[in-house]
Structures are given as structure tokens and as C-alpha cells.
Amino acid sequence: MNYLAHGYRFLDNPVFAAGTAVPDWLCVVDRRVRVRSRRLKVELPDLSLEPQQLVAGMLQHLQDDDTFHRSGTFLMLESEIGVRFRRKMPDRFDHRPGFLGHIVTELLLDAFLAEEQPEILRAYYEAMDEVDSAFVETVVNQVASRTTEQLAWFVQKFRESQFLYDYLDDSRLLGRLNQVLRRVTLPPIDEQCLSVLRDARALLRQYGNTLLQEVESVSAVCAG
């Protein structure tokens, strides 16, 4: 799952919603900084209310990912989209098709949500704007495996760029995918892959509600 799919259910609680974004923010800022369920559950009772809500959001993210990545619908889509990329990249030693099958499914689920609920991206970013980025970094440094001095800066950039809107357009999505590929030291993809993104978008429109229902069937951790 990606940012919007993790957080859209919790926009009435901006701190909790921001917590659901923390693991993905850390993957961009510094992949060595991790939040783990076991440690978060140990730390949670000793925190004051607002930090508790942020940490509970992190736990929700981890729980949702565990459910999502074991979903039969997700596994089917990941495989099908990966196969379509493989047809464009026939080298069997090319690691991109499997990676792209996974990440494109997640990003296009966010796009599906934004299409189905036209105001949801605006509401999501408004909720993110209510949370102090320095507070997020301070709490994360208290509960994560190691500390970072880059998270507050990135949270602000995340809010300013509003790049989730780019997932609604195949060409802009391709550009965002190439940013991710560069970050994990894989070669970029070119415009011949736009047809794969178009087909993948159609698949997510067909199966998006099923994916969301499979995750939502697992109750929230502590969103109250």
C-alpha cells in the first residue's frame, strides 16, 4: 500500500494519519531507519497522547501492509502487471518487472482512490498540513531503530510537492516511477511502458474496491 491507501480512512485524526505515512517517508529519507512493530508496541504505553497517536498510525501501516501483501488479489495483480512489464523487458536477468509489478499496483491503488473520491487528495494533504513535521521527527527518533535529521525536512517537501496527484496521469506516473528506480539503482523505463501503465490502471479500476475491502476487514489499531 502507498500513502493515500494507508491514510484515507483516518483523516479525521491527522496525527494518526501522518503516522501511517511514516514508514514510507523513512524509506525515502533513510532506509536504514526502521520502525518495527515489536518496539512500537513496547514504547506505546509510555507515550503521551499525541505521540501515542502517531505511533499507533505507524502500527496501522505495518498491519495494513502485512494484510495487503498476503491478499490474493494483490498477488494476482502484482504478477499480472509484472508479466506485462516483462514483455517489454525480455532479459530474464532484468529485476525491474517484478519490482514494478509490486509498486505500480500500490501507486495505482492510490490513483483509483483519488478517482473514486475526487476530494480525497485535497483532504489528505490538508490533514498532513495540520501535523508539525519537527514533532514527527522527534517521535520517530524516540521509537525507531536509529535516528534521522532528515525526516522533518522531507515531510515538508512531501506536503509542498503533492506528488500523489501525478499518479492520475500515465506520463507523470512514469516519471515518478523512474525516480523510484533511480533510488534503488535500477535503470529507468521509457515511454514504451506507458501501454503497461494504461492496462494496469484498467486492472486497478476493476479490482481496486476488492483490494481495499480486504484491508479494511482488519480493524483499525487505535484510530480513536
C-alpha atoms as a PDB file:
ATOM      1  CA  MET A   1       0.000   0.000   0.000  1.00  0.00           C
ATOM      2  CA  ASN A   2       1.007   3.584  -0.552  1.00  0.00           C
ATOM      3  CA  TYR A   3       0.369   6.876   1.254  1.00  0.00           C
ATOM      4  CA  LEU A   4      -3.273   7.546   0.389  1.00  0.00           C
ATOM      5  CA  ALA A   5      -4.491   3.962   0.749  1.00  0.00           C
ATOM      6  CA  HIS A   6      -2.858   3.818   4.188  1.00  0.00           C
ATOM      7  CA  GLY A   7      -4.203   7.131   5.439  1.00  0.00           C
ATOM      8  CA  TYR A   8      -7.516   7.984   3.794  1.00  0.00           C
ATOM      9  CA  ARG A   9      -9.646   6.261   6.469  1.00  0.00           C
ATOM     10  CA  PHE A  10      -8.138   8.349   9.256  1.00  0.00           C
ATOM     11  CA  LEU A  11      -8.243  11.941   8.011  1.00  0.00           C
ATOM     12  CA  ASP A  12     -10.366  12.996  10.984  1.00  0.00           C
ATOM     13  CA  ASN A  13      -7.279  12.229  13.103  1.00  0.00           C
ATOM     14  CA  PRO A  14      -4.383  13.979  11.290  1.00  0.00           C
ATOM     15  CA  VAL A  15      -1.668  12.807  13.703  1.00  0.00           C
ATOM     16  CA  PHE A  16      -2.719   9.170  13.294  1.00  0.00           C
ATOM     17  CA  ALA A  17      -2.946   9.648   9.506  1.00  0.00           C
ATOM     18  CA  ALA A  18       0.573  11.100   9.487  1.00  0.00           C
ATOM     19  CA  GLY A  19       1.743   8.062  11.438  1.00  0.00           C
ATOM     20  CA  THR A  20       0.510   5.825   8.641  1.00  0.00           C
ATOM     21  CA  ALA A  21       2.872   7.686   6.279  1.00  0.00           C
ATOM     22  CA  VAL A  22       5.972   7.442   8.483  1.00  0.00           C
ATOM     23  CA  PRO A  23       7.334   4.062   7.265  1.00  0.00           C
ATOM     24  CA  ASP A  24       7.105   5.212   3.640  1.00  0.00           C
ATOM     25  CA  TRP A  25       8.682   8.580   4.454  1.00  0.00           C
ATOM     26  CA  LEU A  26      11.576   6.749   6.096  1.00  0.00           C
ATOM     27  CA  CYS A  27      12.048   4.540   3.015  1.00  0.00           C
ATOM     28  CA  VAL A  28      12.769   7.708   1.049  1.00  0.00           C
ATOM     29  CA  VAL A  29      14.746   9.636   3.662  1.00  0.00           C
ATOM     30  CA  ASP A  30      16.941   6.849   5.030  1.00  0.00           C
ATOM     31  CA  ARG A  31      16.146   3.166   4.525  1.00  0.00           C
ATOM     32  CA  ARG A  32      18.393   2.314   7.486  1.00  0.00           C
ATOM     33  CA  VAL A  33      15.899   3.961   9.851  1.00  0.00           C
ATOM     34  CA  ARG A  34      13.130   1.472  10.573  1.00  0.00           C
ATOM     35  CA  VAL A  35      10.093   1.319  12.820  1.00  0.00           C
ATOM     36  CA  ARG A  36       9.309  -2.198  14.000  1.00  0.00           C
ATOM     37  CA  SER A  37       6.024  -3.430  15.438  1.00  0.00           C
ATOM     38  CA  ARG A  38       7.607  -5.097  18.470  1.00  0.00           C
ATOM     39  CA  ARG A  39       9.429  -1.971  19.601  1.00  0.00           C
ATOM     40  CA  LEU A  40       6.486   0.321  18.823  1.00  0.00           C
ATOM     41  CA  LYS A  41       4.193  -1.799  20.997  1.00  0.00           C
ATOM     42  CA  VAL A  42       6.706  -1.612  23.859  1.00  0.00           C
ATOM     43  CA  GLU A  43       7.070   2.165  23.570  1.00  0.00           C
ATOM     44  CA  LEU A  44       3.373   2.959  23.042  1.00  0.00           C
ATOM     45  CA  PRO A  45       2.064   2.790  26.653  1.00  0.00           C
ATOM     46  CA  ASP A  46       4.720   5.199  27.974  1.00  0.00           C
ATOM     47  CA  LEU A  47       3.996   7.968  25.473  1.00  0.00           C
ATOM     48  CA  SER A  48       1.702  10.948  25.934  1.00  0.00           C
ATOM     49  CA  LEU A  49      -1.493  11.123  23.873  1.00  0.00           C
ATOM     50  CA  GLU A  50      -0.297  12.849  20.700  1.00  0.00           C
ATOM     51  CA  PRO A  51       2.873  10.746  20.285  1.00  0.00           C
ATOM     52  CA  GLN A  52       0.739   7.675  21.004  1.00  0.00           C
ATOM     53  CA  GLN A  53      -1.497   8.575  18.082  1.00  0.00           C
ATOM     54  CA  LEU A  54       1.488   8.958  15.745  1.00  0.00           C
ATOM     55  CA  VAL A  55       2.956   5.621  16.833  1.00  0.00           C
ATOM     56  CA  ALA A  56      -0.444   3.931  16.544  1.00  0.00           C
ATOM     57  CA  GLY A  57      -0.583   5.179  12.956  1.00  0.00           C
ATOM     58  CA  MET A  58       2.794   3.557  12.299  1.00  0.00           C
ATOM     59  CA  LEU A  59       1.459   0.290  13.711  1.00  0.00           C
ATOM     60  CA  GLN A  60      -1.610   0.605  11.495  1.00  0.00           C
ATOM     61  CA  HIS A  61       0.660   0.963   8.453  1.00  0.00           C
ATOM     62  CA  LEU A  62       2.606  -2.168   9.346  1.00  0.00           C
ATOM     63  CA  GLN A  63      -0.562  -4.150   9.994  1.00  0.00           C
ATOM     64  CA  ASP A  64      -2.144  -2.969   6.743  1.00  0.00           C
ATOM     65  CA  ASP A  65       0.957  -3.872   4.738  1.00  0.00           C
ATOM     66  CA  ASP A  66       1.008  -7.344   6.235  1.00  0.00           C
ATOM     67  CA  THR A  67      -2.638  -7.873   5.280  1.00  0.00           C
ATOM     68  CA  PHE A  68      -2.279  -6.270   1.852  1.00  0.00           C
ATOM     69  CA  HIS A  69       0.823  -8.158   0.738  1.00  0.00           C
ATOM     70  CA  ARG A  70      -0.807 -11.503   1.605  1.00  0.00           C
ATOM     71  CA  SER A  71      -4.002 -10.636  -0.253  1.00  0.00           C
ATOM     72  CA  GLY A  72      -4.798 -12.968  -3.126  1.00  0.00           C
ATOM     73  CA  THR A  73      -5.997 -10.007  -5.198  1.00  0.00           C
ATOM     74  CA  PHE A  74      -2.757  -8.108  -4.635  1.00  0.00           C
ATOM     75  CA  LEU A  75      -0.644 -11.146  -5.514  1.00  0.00           C
ATOM     76  CA  MET A  76      -2.631 -11.663  -8.706  1.00  0.00           C
ATOM     77  CA  LEU A  77      -2.277  -8.022  -9.775  1.00  0.00           C
ATOM     78  CA  GLU A  78       1.413  -7.884  -8.863  1.00  0.00           C
ATOM     79  CA  SER A  79       2.026 -10.968 -11.014  1.00  0.00           C
ATOM     80  CA  GLU A  80      -0.127  -9.842 -13.950  1.00  0.00           C
ATOM     81  CA  ILE A  81       1.385  -6.360 -14.109  1.00  0.00           C
ATOM     82  CA  GLY A  82       4.878  -7.783 -13.688  1.00  0.00           C
ATOM     83  CA  VAL A  83       4.273 -10.127 -16.641  1.00  0.00           C
ATOM     84  CA  ARG A  84       3.197  -7.183 -18.780  1.00  0.00           C
ATOM     85  CA  PHE A  85       6.399  -5.327 -17.929  1.00  0.00           C
ATOM     86  CA  ARG A  86       8.405  -8.497 -18.655  1.00  0.00           C
ATOM     87  CA  ARG A  87       7.091  -8.471 -22.217  1.00  0.00           C
ATOM     88  CA  LYS A  88       8.763  -5.074 -22.605  1.00  0.00           C
ATOM     89  CA  MET A  89      11.924  -6.257 -20.810  1.00  0.00           C
ATOM     90  CA  PRO A  90      12.645  -9.807 -22.014  1.00  0.00           C
ATOM     91  CA  ASP A  91      16.078 -10.104 -20.358  1.00  0.00           C
ATOM     92  CA  ARG A  92      15.491 -12.698 -17.627  1.00  0.00           C
ATOM     93  CA  PHE A  93      18.178 -11.050 -15.502  1.00  0.00           C
ATOM     94  CA  ASP A  94      16.287  -7.735 -15.507  1.00  0.00           C
ATOM     95  CA  HIS A  95      14.948  -7.222 -11.975  1.00  0.00           C
ATOM     96  CA  ARG A  96      12.573  -4.409 -12.881  1.00  0.00           C
ATOM     97  CA  PRO A  97       9.408  -6.303 -13.932  1.00  0.00           C
ATOM     98  CA  GLY A  98       8.790  -7.926 -10.557  1.00  0.00           C
ATOM     99  CA  PHE A  99       9.632  -4.725  -8.694  1.00  0.00           C
ATOM    100  CA  LEU A 100       7.381  -2.684 -10.961  1.00  0.00           C
ATOM    101  CA  GLY A 101       4.522  -5.176 -10.667  1.00  0.00           C
ATOM    102  CA  HIS A 102       4.598  -4.592  -6.923  1.00  0.00           C
ATOM    103  CA  ILE A 103       4.988  -0.824  -6.814  1.00  0.00           C
ATOM    104  CA  VAL A 104       2.675   0.001  -9.733  1.00  0.00           C
ATOM    105  CA  THR A 105      -0.137  -1.936  -8.054  1.00  0.00           C
ATOM    106  CA  GLU A 106       0.349   0.156  -4.921  1.00  0.00           C
ATOM    107  CA  LEU A 107       0.622   3.535  -6.639  1.00  0.00           C
ATOM    108  CA  LEU A 108      -2.343   2.922  -8.903  1.00  0.00           C
ATOM    109  CA  LEU A 109      -4.451   1.927  -5.910  1.00  0.00           C
ATOM    110  CA  ASP A 110      -3.893   5.490  -4.663  1.00  0.00           C
ATOM    111  CA  ALA A 111      -4.916   6.763  -8.107  1.00  0.00           C
ATOM    112  CA  PHE A 112      -8.030   4.587  -8.000  1.00  0.00           C
ATOM    113  CA  LEU A 113      -8.996   6.071  -4.636  1.00  0.00           C
ATOM    114  CA  ALA A 114      -8.453   9.597  -5.937  1.00  0.00           C
ATOM    115  CA  GLU A 115     -10.651   8.871  -8.958  1.00  0.00           C
ATOM    116  CA  GLU A 116     -13.412   7.342  -6.859  1.00  0.00           C
ATOM    117  CA  GLN A 117     -13.336  10.141  -4.267  1.00  0.00           C
ATOM    118  CA  PRO A 118     -12.371  13.343  -6.112  1.00  0.00           C
ATOM    119  CA  GLU A 119     -11.879  15.401  -2.927  1.00  0.00           C
ATOM    120  CA  ILE A 120      -9.811  12.837  -1.061  1.00  0.00           C
ATOM    121  CA  LEU A 121      -6.354  14.049  -2.121  1.00  0.00           C
ATOM    122  CA  ARG A 122      -7.156  17.612  -1.101  1.00  0.00           C
ATOM    123  CA  ALA A 123      -8.457  16.348   2.249  1.00  0.00           C
ATOM    124  CA  TYR A 124      -5.384  14.144   2.690  1.00  0.00           C
ATOM    125  CA  TYR A 125      -2.930  16.997   2.174  1.00  0.00           C
ATOM    126  CA  GLU A 126      -4.974  19.284   4.422  1.00  0.00           C
ATOM    127  CA  ALA A 127      -4.701  16.674   7.168  1.00  0.00           C
ATOM    128  CA  MET A 128      -0.937  16.387   6.629  1.00  0.00           C
ATOM    129  CA  ASP A 129      -0.624  20.178   6.891  1.00  0.00           C
ATOM    130  CA  GLU A 130      -2.064  20.053  10.412  1.00  0.00           C
ATOM    131  CA  VAL A 131       0.842  17.979  11.760  1.00  0.00           C
ATOM    132  CA  ASP A 132       4.120  19.584  12.789  1.00  0.00           C
ATOM    133  CA  SER A 133       7.000  17.982  10.887  1.00  0.00           C
ATOM    134  CA  ALA A 134       9.501  18.536  13.711  1.00  0.00           C
ATOM    135  CA  PHE A 135       7.143  16.697  16.078  1.00  0.00           C
ATOM    136  CA  VAL A 136       7.048  13.741  13.664  1.00  0.00           C
ATOM    137  CA  GLU A 137      10.843  13.574  13.534  1.00  0.00           C
ATOM    138  CA  THR A 138      11.186  13.829  17.321  1.00  0.00           C
ATOM    139  CA  VAL A 139       8.766  10.963  17.979  1.00  0.00           C
ATOM    140  CA  VAL A 140      10.282   8.783  15.265  1.00  0.00           C
ATOM    141  CA  ASN A 141      13.755   9.302  16.728  1.00  0.00           C
ATOM    142  CA  GLN A 142      12.389   8.111  20.054  1.00  0.00           C
ATOM    143  CA  VAL A 143      10.937   4.841  18.740  1.00  0.00           C
ATOM    144  CA  ALA A 144      12.927   3.939  15.594  1.00  0.00           C
ATOM    145  CA  SER A 145      15.957   1.685  15.241  1.00  0.00           C
ATOM    146  CA  ARG A 146      18.224   4.733  14.743  1.00  0.00           C
ATOM    147  CA  THR A 147      17.805   8.494  14.430  1.00  0.00           C
ATOM    148  CA  THR A 148      17.490  10.798  11.446  1.00  0.00           C
ATOM    149  CA  GLU A 149      17.835  14.545  10.949  1.00  0.00           C
ATOM    150  CA  GLN A 150      16.181  14.497   7.519  1.00  0.00           C
ATOM    151  CA  LEU A 151      12.608  13.455   8.255  1.00  0.00           C
ATOM    152  CA  ALA A 152      11.148  16.862   9.177  1.00  0.00           C
ATOM    153  CA  TRP A 153      12.621  18.350   6.017  1.00  0.00           C
ATOM    154  CA  PHE A 154      11.180  15.576   3.857  1.00  0.00           C
ATOM    155  CA  VAL A 155       7.720  15.785   5.415  1.00  0.00           C
ATOM    156  CA  GLN A 156       7.624  19.448   4.445  1.00  0.00           C
ATOM    157  CA  LYS A 157       8.758  18.654   0.891  1.00  0.00           C
ATOM    158  CA  PHE A 158       6.140  15.895   0.689  1.00  0.00           C
ATOM    159  CA  ARG A 159       3.409  18.371   1.552  1.00  0.00           C
ATOM    160  CA  GLU A 160       4.681  21.024  -0.840  1.00  0.00           C
ATOM    161  CA  SER A 161       5.185  18.761  -3.875  1.00  0.00           C
ATOM    162  CA  GLN A 162       1.802  16.971  -3.610  1.00  0.00           C
ATOM    163  CA  PHE A 163       3.167  14.330  -5.964  1.00  0.00           C
ATOM    164  CA  LEU A 164       0.285  11.939  -5.306  1.00  0.00           C
ATOM    165  CA  TYR A 165      -1.628  13.904  -7.936  1.00  0.00           C
ATOM    166  CA  ASP A 166       0.911  12.693 -10.520  1.00  0.00           C
ATOM    167  CA  TYR A 167      -0.376   9.139 -10.180  1.00  0.00           C
ATOM    168  CA  LEU A 168      -3.545  10.176 -12.012  1.00  0.00           C
ATOM    169  CA  ASP A 169      -1.658  10.634 -15.305  1.00  0.00           C
ATOM    170  CA  ASP A 170       0.325   7.861 -17.008  1.00  0.00           C
ATOM    171  CA  SER A 171       3.164  10.094 -18.237  1.00  0.00           C
ATOM    172  CA  ARG A 172       3.659  11.782 -14.881  1.00  0.00           C
ATOM    173  CA  LEU A 173       3.413   8.416 -13.141  1.00  0.00           C
ATOM    174  CA  LEU A 174       6.174   7.096 -15.404  1.00  0.00           C
ATOM    175  CA  GLY A 175       8.369   9.983 -14.278  1.00  0.00           C
ATOM    176  CA  ARG A 176       7.690   9.194 -10.625  1.00  0.00           C
ATOM    177  CA  LEU A 177       8.461   5.514 -11.211  1.00  0.00           C
ATOM    178  CA  ASN A 178      11.808   6.476 -12.698  1.00  0.00           C
ATOM    179  CA  GLN A 179      12.606   8.466  -9.567  1.00  0.00           C
ATOM    180  CA  VAL A 180      11.958   5.329  -7.516  1.00  0.00           C
ATOM    181  CA  LEU A 181      14.027   3.172  -9.884  1.00  0.00           C
ATOM    182  CA  ARG A 182      16.960   5.565  -9.617  1.00  0.00           C
ATOM    183  CA  ARG A 183      16.671   5.493  -5.834  1.00  0.00           C
ATOM    184  CA  VAL A 184      17.040   1.697  -5.827  1.00  0.00           C
ATOM    185  CA  THR A 185      19.772   1.838  -8.505  1.00  0.00           C
ATOM    186  CA  LEU A 186      17.740   0.253 -11.313  1.00  0.00           C
ATOM    187  CA  PRO A 187      17.630   1.621 -14.885  1.00  0.00           C
ATOM    188  CA  PRO A 188      14.725   3.894 -15.845  1.00  0.00           C
ATOM    189  CA  ILE A 189      11.870   2.809 -18.061  1.00  0.00           C
ATOM    190  CA  ASP A 190      10.851   4.586 -21.257  1.00  0.00           C
ATOM    191  CA  GLU A 191       7.618   5.544 -22.977  1.00  0.00           C
ATOM    192  CA  GLN A 192       7.070   2.063 -24.392  1.00  0.00           C
ATOM    193  CA  CYS A 193       5.923   1.177 -20.880  1.00  0.00           C
ATOM    194  CA  LEU A 194       3.053   3.683 -20.992  1.00  0.00           C
ATOM    195  CA  SER A 195       0.845   0.990 -22.509  1.00  0.00           C
ATOM    196  CA  VAL A 196       1.566  -1.232 -19.497  1.00  0.00           C
ATOM    197  CA  LEU A 197       0.595   1.585 -17.133  1.00  0.00           C
ATOM    198  CA  ARG A 198      -2.602   2.141 -19.074  1.00  0.00           C
ATOM    199  CA  ASP A 199      -3.515  -1.548 -18.834  1.00  0.00           C
ATOM    200  CA  ALA A 200      -2.529  -1.658 -15.159  1.00  0.00           C
ATOM    201  CA  ARG A 201      -4.769   1.318 -14.433  1.00  0.00           C
ATOM    202  CA  ALA A 202      -7.694  -0.552 -16.006  1.00  0.00           C
ATOM    203  CA  LEU A 203      -6.948  -3.553 -13.765  1.00  0.00           C
ATOM    204  CA  LEU A 204      -6.940  -1.394 -10.646  1.00  0.00           C
ATOM    205  CA  ARG A 205     -10.256   0.131 -11.634  1.00  0.00           C
ATOM    206  CA  GLN A 206     -11.596  -3.404 -11.861  1.00  0.00           C
ATOM    207  CA  TYR A 207     -10.113  -4.758  -8.630  1.00  0.00           C
ATOM    208  CA  GLY A 208      -9.476  -1.657  -6.508  1.00  0.00           C
ATOM    209  CA  ASN A 209     -12.545  -1.992  -4.326  1.00  0.00           C
ATOM    210  CA  THR A 210     -11.740  -5.647  -3.641  1.00  0.00           C
ATOM    211  CA  LEU A 211      -8.229  -4.729  -2.504  1.00  0.00           C
ATOM    212  CA  LEU A 212      -9.487  -2.001  -0.198  1.00  0.00           C
ATOM    213  CA  GLN A 213     -12.177  -4.240   1.291  1.00  0.00           C
ATOM    214  CA  GLU A 214      -9.620  -6.934   2.060  1.00  0.00           C
ATOM    215  CA  VAL A 215      -7.550  -4.453   4.075  1.00  0.00           C
ATOM    216  CA  GLU A 216     -10.497  -2.718   5.708  1.00  0.00           C
ATOM    217  CA  SER A 217     -11.766  -6.043   7.015  1.00  0.00           C
ATOM    218  CA  VAL A 218      -8.921  -5.829   9.533  1.00  0.00           C
ATOM    219  CA  SER A 219      -9.959  -3.361  12.234  1.00  0.00           C
ATOM    220  CA  ALA A 220      -8.009  -0.194  12.982  1.00  0.00           C
ATOM    221  CA  VAL A 221      -5.302  -0.435  15.633  1.00  0.00           C
ATOM    222  CA  CYS A 222      -6.079   2.698  17.630  1.00  0.00           C
ATOM    223  CA  ALA A 223      -7.589   5.405  15.477  1.00  0.00           C
ATOM    224  CA  GLY A 224      -9.846   6.831  18.123  1.00  0.00           C
END
